[in-house]
Amino acid sequence: MDKLEANEGGANTFGAQNRAACDNYQCMRDGENYQKPTAQTRAQVGANLKERKCAGLDRFFAGEQTPDTSGQTYRVAFQDHQQLRQN
């Protein structure tokens, strides 16, 4: 991981070696809570976007700034999004 971060040898940040190092780091960091990311289909991404809009999360991501995820209105919208995903 150190070699990749130092960009020694012109590391390809999207290459298999970097992905494996990142997966390993996240696995060690998260322990038993680690879930390997899975690829989503175009339809799944579209459905998730629709759910985010229905829950009102899209209004928090307008513009350049990161939303205040600790605010009550964001947490309510995020909880609505989670419920939509479970149904």
Protein backbone atom coordinates (compact mmCIF):
# COMPACT_ATOMS: atom_id res chain seq x y z
CA MET A 1 0.00 0.00 0.00
CA ASP A 2 2.88 2.37 0.81
CA LYS A 3 4.36 1.89 -2.68
CA LEU A 4 0.99 2.60 -4.25
CA GLU A 5 0.47 5.75 -2.18
CA ALA A 6 3.96 6.96 -3.08
CA ASN A 7 3.08 6.34 -6.75
CA GLU A 8 6.34 4.44 -7.22
CA GLY A 9 6.68 3.04 -10.67
CA GLY A 10 3.75 5.09 -11.96
CA ALA A 11 1.11 3.04 -10.16
CA ASN A 12 -2.17 2.70 -11.98
CA THR A 13 -4.67 3.80 -9.34
CA PHE A 14 -7.40 1.83 -11.10
CA GLY A 15 -5.28 -1.29 -11.54
CA ALA A 16 -5.85 -4.68 -9.97
CA GLN A 17 -2.91 -4.26 -7.56
CA ASN A 18 -4.32 -1.04 -6.14
CA ARG A 19 -7.85 -2.45 -5.88
CA ALA A 20 -6.52 -5.49 -4.02
CA ALA A 21 -4.51 -3.29 -1.63
CA CYS A 22 -7.55 -1.10 -0.96
CA ASP A 23 -9.78 -4.13 -0.38
CA ASN A 24 -7.20 -5.56 2.03
CA TYR A 25 -6.94 -2.25 3.91
CA GLN A 26 -10.72 -1.89 4.21
CA CYS A 27 -11.04 -5.49 5.36
CA MET A 28 -8.45 -4.96 8.10
CA ARG A 29 -9.98 -1.60 9.07
CA ASP A 30 -13.60 -2.79 9.24
CA GLY A 31 -12.97 -6.30 10.58
CA GLU A 32 -16.08 -8.45 10.71
CA ASN A 33 -18.20 -5.52 9.43
CA TYR A 34 -16.34 -5.49 6.10
CA GLN A 35 -18.43 -6.12 3.01
CA LYS A 36 -16.64 -6.42 -0.29
CA PRO A 37 -18.11 -3.96 -2.81
CA THR A 38 -20.15 -5.49 -5.57
CA ALA A 39 -20.79 -4.15 -9.03
CA GLN A 40 -24.30 -2.92 -9.72
CA THR A 41 -26.20 -3.15 -12.94
CA ARG A 42 -27.36 -0.02 -14.74
CA ALA A 43 -30.92 -0.82 -13.62
CA GLN A 44 -29.85 -1.11 -9.96
CA VAL A 45 -28.04 2.22 -10.09
CA GLY A 46 -31.10 3.85 -11.68
CA ALA A 47 -33.39 2.35 -9.03
CA ASN A 48 -31.12 3.60 -6.24
CA LEU A 49 -31.08 7.08 -7.74
CA LYS A 50 -34.88 7.05 -7.95
CA GLU A 51 -35.11 5.98 -4.28
CA ARG A 52 -32.68 8.74 -3.26
CA LYS A 53 -34.80 11.33 -5.06
CA CYS A 54 -38.03 9.97 -3.54
CA ALA A 55 -36.49 10.21 -0.06
CA GLY A 56 -35.32 13.78 -0.76
CA LEU A 57 -31.59 13.07 -0.51
CA ASP A 58 -30.87 14.72 -3.85
CA ARG A 59 -31.49 18.19 -2.42
CA PHE A 60 -28.61 17.75 0.03
CA PHE A 61 -26.09 17.13 -2.76
CA ALA A 62 -26.81 20.19 -4.90
CA GLY A 63 -23.73 22.32 -5.45
CA GLU A 64 -20.13 21.79 -4.46
CA GLN A 65 -20.35 21.37 -0.68
CA THR A 66 -20.67 18.11 1.21
CA PRO A 67 -23.96 17.99 3.11
CA ASP A 68 -24.18 18.10 6.90
CA THR A 69 -24.95 14.44 7.49
CA SER A 70 -25.39 15.01 11.23
CA GLY A 71 -28.35 17.35 10.73
CA GLN A 72 -31.84 16.16 11.62
CA THR A 73 -33.36 16.77 8.17
CA TYR A 74 -30.60 14.79 6.45
CA ARG A 75 -30.89 11.90 8.91
CA VAL A 76 -34.66 11.71 8.39
CA ALA A 77 -34.23 11.70 4.61
CA PHE A 78 -31.49 9.06 4.86
CA GLN A 79 -33.70 6.90 7.07
CA ASP A 80 -36.50 7.23 4.48
CA HIS A 81 -34.04 6.15 1.80
CA GLN A 82 -33.01 3.11 3.86
CA GLN A 83 -36.66 2.12 4.26
CA LEU A 84 -37.28 2.47 0.53
CA ARG A 85 -34.29 0.22 -0.19
CA GLN A 86 -35.62 -2.48 2.14
CA ASN A 87 -39.01 -2.59 0.42
